[in-house]
Every structure is written in structure tokens, then in C-alpha cells.
Amino acid sequence: MLLFRWAILLLLLAAAVCFAFYAGTARPHYKRWGWVILKWTLLAAFGFFAVLIAERGF
């Protein structure tokens, strides 16, 4: 579980770095990579936490 939390944190950090590179260079591929990383990280995080909630029971 700790591994998944660290992976999510590092991927969010990677997306932030991509957006910072985009802000600094104005090259659109950094923005595109930032959105892709952010989208898949959030989907994985929601899935991970949904499994945790389902395991615990409502």
C-alpha cells in the first residue's frame, strides 16, 4: 500500500514538473505530457482508493 501511495505522489510530482517546464519553455509537448500523466495518475488513484473503501465495507 505504501508503494502505491509513493507512486501516486511521484507521478503527481512528475506532472507538476512537466507543467513547470511548459511554463518556462512554452513548448506544448510538456503540457500534453503533464495532462496525460495527471489523467492516468488520478484514474489510478481513484481506483486504488475505491478498492480500499470496498475492502473496508460501507
C-alpha atoms as a PDB file:
ATOM      1  CA  MET A   1       0.000   0.000   0.000  1.00  0.00           C
ATOM      2  CA  LEU A   2       2.864   2.358   0.814  1.00  0.00           C
ATOM      3  CA  LEU A   3       4.355   1.637  -2.604  1.00  0.00           C
ATOM      4  CA  PHE A   4       1.161   2.755  -4.363  1.00  0.00           C
ATOM      5  CA  ARG A   5       0.982   5.944  -2.320  1.00  0.00           C
ATOM      6  CA  TRP A   6       4.582   6.809  -3.198  1.00  0.00           C
ATOM      7  CA  ALA A   7       3.974   6.004  -6.866  1.00  0.00           C
ATOM      8  CA  ILE A   8       0.948   8.293  -6.963  1.00  0.00           C
ATOM      9  CA  LEU A   9       2.877  11.059  -5.210  1.00  0.00           C
ATOM     10  CA  LEU A  10       5.831  10.762  -7.581  1.00  0.00           C
ATOM     11  CA  LEU A  11       3.590  10.754 -10.647  1.00  0.00           C
ATOM     12  CA  LEU A  12       1.805  13.892  -9.425  1.00  0.00           C
ATOM     13  CA  LEU A  13       5.214  15.473  -8.917  1.00  0.00           C
ATOM     14  CA  ALA A  14       6.209  14.461 -12.456  1.00  0.00           C
ATOM     15  CA  ALA A  15       3.068  16.110 -13.836  1.00  0.00           C
ATOM     16  CA  ALA A  16       3.872  19.286 -11.885  1.00  0.00           C
ATOM     17  CA  VAL A  17       7.404  19.279 -13.310  1.00  0.00           C
ATOM     18  CA  CYS A  18       6.005  18.914 -16.833  1.00  0.00           C
ATOM     19  CA  PHE A  19       3.705  21.894 -16.277  1.00  0.00           C
ATOM     20  CA  ALA A  20       6.625  23.903 -14.867  1.00  0.00           C
ATOM     21  CA  PHE A  21       8.691  23.063 -17.961  1.00  0.00           C
ATOM     22  CA  TYR A  22       5.762  24.175 -20.114  1.00  0.00           C
ATOM     23  CA  ALA A  23       5.531  27.452 -18.197  1.00  0.00           C
ATOM     24  CA  GLY A  24       9.252  28.010 -18.638  1.00  0.00           C
ATOM     25  CA  THR A  25       9.653  26.984 -22.260  1.00  0.00           C
ATOM     26  CA  ALA A  26       6.133  27.318 -23.772  1.00  0.00           C
ATOM     27  CA  ARG A  27       6.675  24.049 -25.667  1.00  0.00           C
ATOM     28  CA  PRO A  28       3.290  22.340 -25.996  1.00  0.00           C
ATOM     29  CA  HIS A  29       4.536  18.768 -25.676  1.00  0.00           C
ATOM     30  CA  TYR A  30       5.323  19.387 -21.985  1.00  0.00           C
ATOM     31  CA  LYS A  31       1.728  20.439 -21.381  1.00  0.00           C
ATOM     32  CA  ARG A  32       0.433  17.389 -23.238  1.00  0.00           C
ATOM     33  CA  TRP A  33       2.651  15.042 -21.190  1.00  0.00           C
ATOM     34  CA  GLY A  34       1.592  16.794 -17.993  1.00  0.00           C
ATOM     35  CA  TRP A  35      -2.087  16.256 -18.773  1.00  0.00           C
ATOM     36  CA  VAL A  36      -1.537  12.616 -19.742  1.00  0.00           C
ATOM     37  CA  ILE A  37       0.399  11.864 -16.557  1.00  0.00           C
ATOM     38  CA  LEU A  38      -2.142  13.727 -14.424  1.00  0.00           C
ATOM     39  CA  LYS A  39      -5.133  12.000 -16.028  1.00  0.00           C
ATOM     40  CA  TRP A  40      -3.797   8.470 -15.607  1.00  0.00           C
ATOM     41  CA  THR A  41      -2.479   9.160 -12.126  1.00  0.00           C
ATOM     42  CA  LEU A  42      -5.852  10.418 -10.944  1.00  0.00           C
ATOM     43  CA  LEU A  43      -7.664   7.471 -12.527  1.00  0.00           C
ATOM     44  CA  ALA A  44      -5.262   5.049 -10.841  1.00  0.00           C
ATOM     45  CA  ALA A  45      -5.600   6.864  -7.506  1.00  0.00           C
ATOM     46  CA  PHE A  46      -9.403   6.796  -7.639  1.00  0.00           C
ATOM     47  CA  GLY A  47      -9.309   3.102  -8.477  1.00  0.00           C
ATOM     48  CA  PHE A  48      -6.856   2.384  -5.669  1.00  0.00           C
ATOM     49  CA  PHE A  49      -8.893   4.222  -3.067  1.00  0.00           C
ATOM     50  CA  ALA A  50     -12.132   2.669  -4.359  1.00  0.00           C
ATOM     51  CA  VAL A  51     -10.632  -0.763  -3.733  1.00  0.00           C
ATOM     52  CA  LEU A  52      -9.597   0.306  -0.232  1.00  0.00           C
ATOM     53  CA  ILE A  53     -13.104   1.549   0.519  1.00  0.00           C
ATOM     54  CA  ALA A  54     -14.673  -1.599  -0.931  1.00  0.00           C
ATOM     55  CA  GLU A  55     -12.401  -3.802   1.205  1.00  0.00           C
ATOM     56  CA  ARG A  56     -13.399  -1.940   4.324  1.00  0.00           C
ATOM     57  CA  GLY A  57     -17.081  -2.209   3.591  1.00  0.00           C
ATOM     58  CA  PHE A  58     -19.608   0.543   3.522  1.00  0.00           C
END
